[in-house]
N, C-alpha and C. Protein backbone atom coordinates (compact mmCIF):
# COMPACT_ATOMS: atom_id res chain seq x y z
N MET A 1 -37.85 6.15 5.77
CA MET A 1 -37.89 4.85 5.16
C MET A 1 -36.69 4.04 5.66
N ILE A 2 -36.91 2.80 5.99
CA ILE A 2 -35.86 1.92 6.46
C ILE A 2 -35.54 0.93 5.35
N ASN A 3 -34.27 0.91 4.95
CA ASN A 3 -33.82 -0.04 3.95
C ASN A 3 -33.35 -1.31 4.64
N LYS A 4 -33.74 -2.43 4.07
CA LYS A 4 -33.34 -3.71 4.64
C LYS A 4 -32.00 -4.11 4.02
N ILE A 5 -31.04 -4.42 4.88
CA ILE A 5 -29.73 -4.89 4.44
C ILE A 5 -29.58 -6.33 4.89
N GLU A 6 -29.34 -7.19 3.97
CA GLU A 6 -29.18 -8.60 4.30
C GLU A 6 -27.70 -8.94 4.43
N PHE A 7 -27.34 -9.49 5.56
CA PHE A 7 -25.97 -9.93 5.78
C PHE A 7 -25.93 -11.45 5.73
N SER A 8 -25.11 -11.94 4.87
CA SER A 8 -24.93 -13.38 4.79
C SER A 8 -23.45 -13.67 4.62
N ALA A 9 -23.08 -14.91 4.76
CA ALA A 9 -21.67 -15.27 4.72
C ALA A 9 -21.01 -14.89 3.40
N LYS A 10 -21.77 -14.84 2.32
CA LYS A 10 -21.16 -14.55 1.02
C LYS A 10 -20.77 -13.09 0.84
N ASN A 11 -21.37 -12.17 1.59
CA ASN A 11 -21.01 -10.77 1.40
C ASN A 11 -20.47 -10.09 2.65
N LEU A 12 -20.00 -10.86 3.60
CA LEU A 12 -19.38 -10.29 4.79
C LEU A 12 -17.87 -10.21 4.60
N THR A 13 -17.28 -9.14 5.10
CA THR A 13 -15.83 -8.98 5.03
C THR A 13 -15.36 -8.20 6.24
N SER A 14 -14.18 -8.53 6.70
CA SER A 14 -13.60 -7.77 7.80
C SER A 14 -12.75 -6.63 7.26
N ASN A 15 -12.70 -6.52 5.94
CA ASN A 15 -11.86 -5.49 5.30
C ASN A 15 -12.70 -4.41 4.63
N ALA A 16 -13.81 -4.04 5.26
CA ALA A 16 -14.74 -3.08 4.66
C ALA A 16 -14.10 -1.72 4.40
N GLY A 17 -13.08 -1.36 5.15
CA GLY A 17 -12.41 -0.09 4.93
C GLY A 17 -11.75 0.00 3.57
N LEU A 18 -11.49 -1.14 2.96
CA LEU A 18 -10.89 -1.15 1.63
C LEU A 18 -11.79 -0.50 0.60
N PHE A 19 -13.10 -0.61 0.81
CA PHE A 19 -14.04 0.02 -0.12
C PHE A 19 -13.78 1.52 -0.21
N LEU A 20 -13.66 2.15 0.95
CA LEU A 20 -13.41 3.60 0.98
C LEU A 20 -12.06 3.94 0.36
N LEU A 21 -11.04 3.15 0.65
CA LEU A 21 -9.71 3.38 0.10
C LEU A 21 -9.73 3.30 -1.43
N LEU A 22 -10.31 2.24 -1.96
CA LEU A 22 -10.32 2.04 -3.40
C LEU A 22 -11.19 3.09 -4.11
N GLU A 23 -12.32 3.43 -3.50
CA GLU A 23 -13.17 4.48 -4.08
C GLU A 23 -12.45 5.83 -4.08
N HIS A 24 -11.77 6.14 -2.99
CA HIS A 24 -11.02 7.39 -2.87
C HIS A 24 -9.92 7.45 -3.94
N ALA A 25 -9.18 6.37 -4.08
CA ALA A 25 -8.09 6.33 -5.06
C ALA A 25 -8.64 6.48 -6.48
N ASN A 26 -9.75 5.85 -6.74
CA ASN A 26 -10.37 5.93 -8.06
C ASN A 26 -10.91 7.34 -8.33
N LYS A 27 -11.62 7.89 -7.36
CA LYS A 27 -12.23 9.22 -7.49
C LYS A 27 -11.19 10.31 -7.70
N ASN A 28 -10.04 10.18 -7.07
CA ASN A 28 -8.99 11.19 -7.18
C ASN A 28 -8.02 10.93 -8.33
N GLY A 29 -8.34 9.96 -9.16
CA GLY A 29 -7.55 9.71 -10.36
C GLY A 29 -6.21 9.05 -10.14
N ILE A 30 -6.03 8.46 -8.96
CA ILE A 30 -4.74 7.84 -8.66
C ILE A 30 -4.49 6.66 -9.59
N PHE A 31 -5.50 5.83 -9.78
CA PHE A 31 -5.33 4.66 -10.64
C PHE A 31 -5.11 5.07 -12.09
N ASP A 32 -5.76 6.14 -12.53
CA ASP A 32 -5.55 6.64 -13.90
C ASP A 32 -4.12 7.14 -14.08
N LEU A 33 -3.62 7.87 -13.09
CA LEU A 33 -2.23 8.36 -13.15
C LEU A 33 -1.24 7.21 -13.23
N ILE A 34 -1.45 6.22 -12.39
CA ILE A 34 -0.54 5.07 -12.38
C ILE A 34 -0.61 4.35 -13.72
N ASP A 35 -1.83 4.13 -14.20
CA ASP A 35 -2.01 3.40 -15.45
C ASP A 35 -1.36 4.13 -16.63
N HIS A 36 -1.45 5.45 -16.63
CA HIS A 36 -0.92 6.25 -17.75
C HIS A 36 0.58 6.51 -17.62
N ASP A 37 1.03 6.90 -16.43
CA ASP A 37 2.40 7.37 -16.25
C ASP A 37 3.43 6.27 -15.95
N LEU A 38 3.01 5.23 -15.24
CA LEU A 38 3.95 4.19 -14.85
C LEU A 38 4.06 3.16 -15.97
N VAL A 39 5.16 3.23 -16.71
CA VAL A 39 5.37 2.35 -17.86
C VAL A 39 6.63 1.52 -17.63
N PHE A 40 6.45 0.21 -17.68
CA PHE A 40 7.57 -0.71 -17.55
C PHE A 40 8.12 -1.05 -18.93
N ASP A 41 9.37 -1.47 -18.98
CA ASP A 41 9.99 -1.87 -20.25
C ASP A 41 9.34 -3.12 -20.82
N ASN A 42 8.89 -3.99 -19.95
CA ASN A 42 8.28 -5.26 -20.36
C ASN A 42 6.78 -5.06 -20.60
N VAL A 43 6.31 -5.42 -21.79
CA VAL A 43 4.91 -5.23 -22.18
C VAL A 43 3.97 -6.03 -21.27
N SER A 44 4.34 -7.27 -20.96
CA SER A 44 3.46 -8.11 -20.13
C SER A 44 3.35 -7.55 -18.71
N THR A 45 4.41 -6.91 -18.21
CA THR A 45 4.35 -6.29 -16.88
C THR A 45 3.37 -5.13 -16.89
N ASN A 46 3.32 -4.38 -17.98
CA ASN A 46 2.36 -3.27 -18.08
C ASN A 46 0.92 -3.76 -18.05
N LYS A 47 0.68 -4.94 -18.57
CA LYS A 47 -0.69 -5.48 -18.61
C LYS A 47 -1.19 -5.85 -17.22
N ILE A 48 -0.29 -6.28 -16.35
CA ILE A 48 -0.70 -6.76 -15.03
C ILE A 48 -0.45 -5.76 -13.90
N LYS A 49 0.16 -4.63 -14.21
CA LYS A 49 0.61 -3.71 -13.15
C LYS A 49 -0.52 -3.21 -12.26
N MET A 50 -1.69 -2.88 -12.83
CA MET A 50 -2.75 -2.31 -12.01
C MET A 50 -3.27 -3.33 -11.00
N ASN A 51 -3.39 -4.58 -11.41
CA ASN A 51 -3.85 -5.61 -10.49
C ASN A 51 -2.89 -5.75 -9.31
N HIS A 52 -1.59 -5.79 -9.60
CA HIS A 52 -0.61 -5.95 -8.52
C HIS A 52 -0.51 -4.70 -7.65
N ILE A 53 -0.62 -3.53 -8.24
CA ILE A 53 -0.54 -2.31 -7.44
C ILE A 53 -1.76 -2.20 -6.53
N LYS A 54 -2.94 -2.54 -7.04
CA LYS A 54 -4.14 -2.55 -6.18
C LYS A 54 -4.00 -3.60 -5.08
N THR A 55 -3.42 -4.74 -5.41
CA THR A 55 -3.19 -5.79 -4.41
C THR A 55 -2.29 -5.25 -3.30
N MET A 56 -1.18 -4.62 -3.68
CA MET A 56 -0.24 -4.10 -2.69
C MET A 56 -0.87 -2.97 -1.86
N LEU A 57 -1.66 -2.13 -2.50
CA LEU A 57 -2.33 -1.04 -1.79
C LEU A 57 -3.28 -1.60 -0.73
N CYS A 58 -4.08 -2.59 -1.13
CA CYS A 58 -5.00 -3.22 -0.18
C CYS A 58 -4.25 -3.91 0.95
N GLY A 59 -3.20 -4.63 0.60
CA GLY A 59 -2.41 -5.32 1.62
C GLY A 59 -1.79 -4.36 2.60
N ASN A 60 -1.25 -3.27 2.10
CA ASN A 60 -0.65 -2.25 2.96
C ASN A 60 -1.70 -1.64 3.88
N PHE A 61 -2.88 -1.38 3.35
CA PHE A 61 -3.94 -0.73 4.12
C PHE A 61 -4.40 -1.59 5.29
N ILE A 62 -4.44 -2.90 5.09
CA ILE A 62 -4.91 -3.76 6.19
C ILE A 62 -3.77 -4.28 7.06
N GLY A 63 -2.54 -3.84 6.78
CA GLY A 63 -1.42 -4.13 7.66
C GLY A 63 -0.66 -5.40 7.36
N ILE A 64 -0.73 -5.88 6.14
CA ILE A 64 0.03 -7.07 5.78
C ILE A 64 1.51 -6.72 5.75
N ASP A 65 2.30 -7.49 6.49
CA ASP A 65 3.73 -7.19 6.58
C ASP A 65 4.60 -8.17 5.78
N LYS A 66 4.00 -9.22 5.25
CA LYS A 66 4.73 -10.20 4.43
C LYS A 66 3.87 -10.55 3.24
N LEU A 67 4.50 -10.75 2.10
CA LEU A 67 3.74 -11.08 0.89
C LEU A 67 2.91 -12.35 1.07
N GLU A 68 3.39 -13.27 1.86
CA GLU A 68 2.67 -14.52 2.11
C GLU A 68 1.27 -14.27 2.66
N ARG A 69 1.12 -13.18 3.40
CA ARG A 69 -0.17 -12.88 4.03
C ARG A 69 -1.18 -12.27 3.05
N LEU A 70 -0.75 -11.99 1.82
CA LEU A 70 -1.71 -11.53 0.81
C LEU A 70 -2.78 -12.59 0.54
N LYS A 71 -2.44 -13.83 0.85
CA LYS A 71 -3.41 -14.92 0.67
C LYS A 71 -4.68 -14.70 1.48
N LEU A 72 -4.57 -13.91 2.56
CA LEU A 72 -5.75 -13.61 3.37
C LEU A 72 -6.82 -12.86 2.59
N LEU A 73 -6.41 -12.18 1.52
CA LEU A 73 -7.34 -11.39 0.72
C LEU A 73 -7.92 -12.18 -0.46
N GLN A 74 -7.41 -13.37 -0.73
CA GLN A 74 -7.78 -14.08 -1.95
C GLN A 74 -9.27 -14.38 -2.06
N SER A 75 -9.93 -14.68 -0.99
CA SER A 75 -11.35 -15.02 -1.08
C SER A 75 -12.25 -13.91 -0.55
N ASP A 76 -11.71 -12.74 -0.35
CA ASP A 76 -12.49 -11.63 0.19
C ASP A 76 -13.49 -11.13 -0.85
N PRO A 77 -14.78 -11.06 -0.52
CA PRO A 77 -15.79 -10.63 -1.49
C PRO A 77 -15.61 -9.19 -1.97
N LEU A 78 -15.08 -8.33 -1.12
CA LEU A 78 -14.87 -6.94 -1.52
C LEU A 78 -13.76 -6.84 -2.56
N ILE A 79 -12.71 -7.60 -2.39
CA ILE A 79 -11.62 -7.64 -3.36
C ILE A 79 -12.15 -8.14 -4.70
N ASN A 80 -12.97 -9.18 -4.64
CA ASN A 80 -13.57 -9.71 -5.87
C ASN A 80 -14.49 -8.70 -6.53
N GLU A 81 -15.20 -7.92 -5.74
CA GLU A 81 -16.11 -6.91 -6.28
C GLU A 81 -15.36 -5.86 -7.09
N PHE A 82 -14.15 -5.54 -6.68
CA PHE A 82 -13.33 -4.56 -7.40
C PHE A 82 -12.47 -5.21 -8.48
N GLU A 83 -12.74 -6.48 -8.74
CA GLU A 83 -12.06 -7.23 -9.80
C GLU A 83 -10.54 -7.24 -9.64
N ILE A 84 -10.12 -7.37 -8.39
CA ILE A 84 -8.70 -7.52 -8.09
C ILE A 84 -8.44 -9.01 -7.91
N SER A 85 -7.50 -9.52 -8.67
CA SER A 85 -7.15 -10.93 -8.59
C SER A 85 -5.86 -11.06 -7.78
N ILE A 86 -5.99 -11.55 -6.55
CA ILE A 86 -4.83 -11.70 -5.68
C ILE A 86 -4.04 -12.91 -6.14
N LYS A 87 -2.83 -12.66 -6.58
CA LYS A 87 -1.96 -13.73 -7.08
C LYS A 87 -1.12 -14.31 -5.94
N GLU A 88 -0.41 -15.37 -6.25
CA GLU A 88 0.48 -16.00 -5.27
C GLU A 88 1.60 -15.03 -4.89
N PRO A 89 2.10 -15.11 -3.66
CA PRO A 89 3.17 -14.21 -3.21
C PRO A 89 4.39 -14.22 -4.13
N GLU A 90 4.73 -15.36 -4.69
CA GLU A 90 5.89 -15.44 -5.58
C GLU A 90 5.68 -14.58 -6.84
N THR A 91 4.44 -14.58 -7.34
CA THR A 91 4.10 -13.80 -8.53
C THR A 91 4.21 -12.31 -8.24
N VAL A 92 3.69 -11.90 -7.07
CA VAL A 92 3.77 -10.49 -6.67
C VAL A 92 5.23 -10.09 -6.48
N SER A 93 6.03 -10.98 -5.91
CA SER A 93 7.44 -10.71 -5.71
C SER A 93 8.16 -10.51 -7.04
N ARG A 94 7.84 -11.33 -8.04
CA ARG A 94 8.45 -11.16 -9.37
C ARG A 94 8.05 -9.82 -9.97
N PHE A 95 6.78 -9.42 -9.76
CA PHE A 95 6.34 -8.12 -10.26
C PHE A 95 7.14 -6.99 -9.62
N LEU A 96 7.31 -7.06 -8.30
CA LEU A 96 8.06 -6.02 -7.60
C LEU A 96 9.51 -5.96 -8.07
N GLY A 97 10.04 -7.09 -8.51
CA GLY A 97 11.40 -7.14 -9.03
C GLY A 97 11.55 -6.39 -10.35
N ASN A 98 10.44 -6.06 -11.01
CA ASN A 98 10.49 -5.32 -12.28
C ASN A 98 10.69 -3.82 -12.08
N PHE A 99 10.59 -3.35 -10.84
CA PHE A 99 10.80 -1.92 -10.60
C PHE A 99 12.27 -1.58 -10.76
N SER A 100 12.51 -0.49 -11.45
CA SER A 100 13.86 0.02 -11.65
C SER A 100 13.93 1.40 -11.01
N TYR A 101 15.08 2.03 -11.13
CA TYR A 101 15.19 3.40 -10.63
C TYR A 101 14.18 4.30 -11.33
N LYS A 102 14.04 4.12 -12.63
CA LYS A 102 13.14 4.96 -13.44
C LYS A 102 11.68 4.78 -13.00
N THR A 103 11.21 3.54 -12.87
CA THR A 103 9.82 3.32 -12.50
C THR A 103 9.54 3.73 -11.06
N THR A 104 10.52 3.54 -10.19
CA THR A 104 10.37 3.98 -8.80
C THR A 104 10.26 5.50 -8.74
N HIS A 105 11.05 6.18 -9.56
CA HIS A 105 11.00 7.64 -9.61
C HIS A 105 9.64 8.11 -10.15
N VAL A 106 9.12 7.42 -11.15
CA VAL A 106 7.80 7.77 -11.70
C VAL A 106 6.73 7.61 -10.63
N LEU A 107 6.80 6.52 -9.86
CA LEU A 107 5.84 6.30 -8.78
C LEU A 107 5.94 7.41 -7.74
N ARG A 108 7.15 7.86 -7.47
CA ARG A 108 7.37 8.97 -6.54
C ARG A 108 6.73 10.26 -7.07
N GLU A 109 6.90 10.52 -8.36
CA GLU A 109 6.29 11.71 -8.98
C GLU A 109 4.77 11.65 -8.94
N ILE A 110 4.22 10.47 -9.14
CA ILE A 110 2.76 10.29 -9.04
C ILE A 110 2.31 10.62 -7.62
N ASN A 111 3.07 10.15 -6.64
CA ASN A 111 2.75 10.44 -5.25
C ASN A 111 2.73 11.95 -5.00
N PHE A 112 3.73 12.68 -5.52
CA PHE A 112 3.77 14.13 -5.35
C PHE A 112 2.59 14.81 -6.05
N LYS A 113 2.22 14.33 -7.23
CA LYS A 113 1.07 14.91 -7.95
C LYS A 113 -0.21 14.75 -7.14
N VAL A 114 -0.42 13.54 -6.63
CA VAL A 114 -1.63 13.26 -5.85
C VAL A 114 -1.65 14.09 -4.57
N PHE A 115 -0.50 14.12 -3.88
CA PHE A 115 -0.41 14.91 -2.64
C PHE A 115 -0.69 16.38 -2.93
N GLY A 116 -0.10 16.91 -3.99
CA GLY A 116 -0.33 18.31 -4.36
C GLY A 116 -1.79 18.59 -4.67
N LYS A 117 -2.41 17.69 -5.40
CA LYS A 117 -3.83 17.85 -5.75
C LYS A 117 -4.71 17.86 -4.51
N LEU A 118 -4.46 16.92 -3.60
CA LEU A 118 -5.26 16.85 -2.37
C LEU A 118 -4.99 18.04 -1.46
N LEU A 119 -3.75 18.52 -1.46
CA LEU A 119 -3.41 19.69 -0.65
C LEU A 119 -4.11 20.95 -1.18
N ARG A 120 -4.12 21.10 -2.51
CA ARG A 120 -4.83 22.25 -3.11
C ARG A 120 -6.33 22.17 -2.83
N LYS A 121 -6.89 20.98 -2.91
CA LYS A 121 -8.31 20.77 -2.66
C LYS A 121 -8.69 21.16 -1.23
N SER A 122 -7.81 20.84 -0.29
CA SER A 122 -8.11 21.08 1.12
C SER A 122 -7.96 22.55 1.50
N LYS A 123 -7.24 23.32 0.68
CA LYS A 123 -7.01 24.76 0.91
C LYS A 123 -6.35 25.04 2.26
N LEU A 124 -5.48 24.14 2.69
CA LEU A 124 -4.74 24.35 3.93
C LEU A 124 -3.66 25.39 3.72
N LYS A 125 -3.41 26.20 4.71
CA LYS A 125 -2.36 27.20 4.64
C LYS A 125 -1.02 26.60 5.03
N SER A 126 -1.04 25.60 5.92
CA SER A 126 0.20 24.93 6.33
C SER A 126 -0.15 23.52 6.79
N ILE A 127 0.88 22.69 6.81
CA ILE A 127 0.71 21.33 7.34
C ILE A 127 1.86 21.05 8.30
N THR A 128 1.61 20.16 9.23
CA THR A 128 2.63 19.75 10.18
C THR A 128 2.87 18.27 9.98
N ILE A 129 4.12 17.90 9.81
CA ILE A 129 4.47 16.50 9.69
C ILE A 129 5.12 16.09 10.99
N ASP A 130 4.49 15.16 11.69
CA ASP A 130 4.98 14.69 12.98
C ASP A 130 5.51 13.29 12.81
N ILE A 131 6.79 13.12 12.99
CA ILE A 131 7.41 11.82 12.80
C ILE A 131 7.90 11.32 14.15
N ASP A 132 7.42 10.17 14.55
CA ASP A 132 7.84 9.55 15.80
C ASP A 132 8.66 8.32 15.48
N SER A 133 9.56 7.99 16.36
CA SER A 133 10.33 6.77 16.18
C SER A 133 10.34 6.01 17.49
N SER A 134 10.64 4.76 17.39
CA SER A 134 10.75 3.96 18.61
C SER A 134 12.06 3.20 18.56
N VAL A 135 12.57 2.89 19.71
CA VAL A 135 13.85 2.21 19.83
C VAL A 135 13.57 0.72 20.05
N VAL A 136 14.23 -0.10 19.27
CA VAL A 136 14.13 -1.55 19.44
C VAL A 136 15.52 -2.03 19.85
N ASN A 137 15.63 -2.49 21.09
CA ASN A 137 16.91 -2.98 21.59
C ASN A 137 17.23 -4.35 21.01
N VAL A 138 18.49 -4.58 20.77
CA VAL A 138 18.94 -5.90 20.32
C VAL A 138 19.97 -6.41 21.31
N GLU A 139 20.11 -7.71 21.36
CA GLU A 139 21.11 -8.34 22.22
C GLU A 139 22.21 -8.90 21.33
N GLY A 140 23.42 -8.76 21.73
CA GLY A 140 24.55 -9.29 20.97
C GLY A 140 24.94 -8.39 19.82
N GLN A 141 25.57 -8.97 18.82
CA GLN A 141 26.08 -8.22 17.67
C GLN A 141 25.26 -8.53 16.42
N GLN A 142 24.03 -8.08 16.37
CA GLN A 142 23.17 -8.36 15.22
C GLN A 142 23.51 -7.44 14.06
N GLU A 143 23.41 -7.98 12.86
CA GLU A 143 23.72 -7.22 11.67
C GLU A 143 22.80 -6.00 11.55
N GLY A 144 23.37 -4.86 11.26
CA GLY A 144 22.59 -3.64 11.08
C GLY A 144 22.33 -2.87 12.36
N ALA A 145 22.63 -3.46 13.50
CA ALA A 145 22.41 -2.77 14.77
C ALA A 145 23.58 -1.83 15.05
N VAL A 146 23.25 -0.62 15.47
CA VAL A 146 24.28 0.37 15.78
C VAL A 146 23.90 1.08 17.07
N LYS A 147 24.89 1.74 17.65
CA LYS A 147 24.58 2.54 18.83
C LYS A 147 23.82 3.78 18.39
N GLY A 148 22.74 4.03 19.05
CA GLY A 148 21.92 5.19 18.73
C GLY A 148 21.36 5.78 20.01
N TYR A 149 20.45 6.72 19.86
CA TYR A 149 19.85 7.36 21.03
C TYR A 149 18.87 6.39 21.67
N ASN A 150 19.16 6.02 22.89
CA ASN A 150 18.32 5.10 23.64
C ASN A 150 18.28 5.57 25.07
N PRO A 151 17.24 6.30 25.46
CA PRO A 151 17.20 6.89 26.80
C PRO A 151 17.13 5.87 27.93
N LYS A 152 16.64 4.64 27.64
CA LYS A 152 16.48 3.65 28.70
C LYS A 152 17.73 2.83 28.92
N LYS A 153 18.44 2.52 27.84
CA LYS A 153 19.68 1.73 27.93
C LYS A 153 20.76 2.48 27.17
N ILE A 154 21.34 3.45 27.79
CA ILE A 154 22.32 4.32 27.14
C ILE A 154 23.50 3.50 26.63
N GLY A 155 23.82 3.72 25.35
CA GLY A 155 24.95 3.05 24.74
C GLY A 155 24.64 1.67 24.18
N ASN A 156 23.43 1.18 24.38
CA ASN A 156 23.06 -0.13 23.87
C ASN A 156 22.78 -0.06 22.37
N ASN A 157 23.08 -1.15 21.65
CA ASN A 157 22.74 -1.20 20.23
C ASN A 157 21.23 -1.26 20.04
N CYS A 158 20.80 -0.63 18.99
CA CYS A 158 19.38 -0.66 18.67
C CYS A 158 19.17 -0.67 17.17
């Protein structure tokens, strides 16, 4: 049997991979953990936290490097389907400012719980973490630049 799929401008998105990401996070209880365990001191911040965390997760997944670029997701039909309301960058920035050492630590613990759960599910005997780095050369005396390992320009700041 062949199912007919209608594509029209109202349901097209270039961010279709977000569907899998959000479904995976939901299925593995990530959103439930965050909603239950991550508690801010401010009551109003607790009410909006899931919307902003889903916004940041989606933005990170599609490679947004500045909060201003979250606006690219505002009219996305897939985002709307998951009832995520993309707020203005300033609003998201204020939300991020509510994180303290305590809430950041809780988010870290949630990450470890999820990683442990997925690791147990996969039944792997070992894992390999491969970390690569790249050297970015700078010219002059830029703030934060230090001499490091640079095989192409030995002794240059990077």
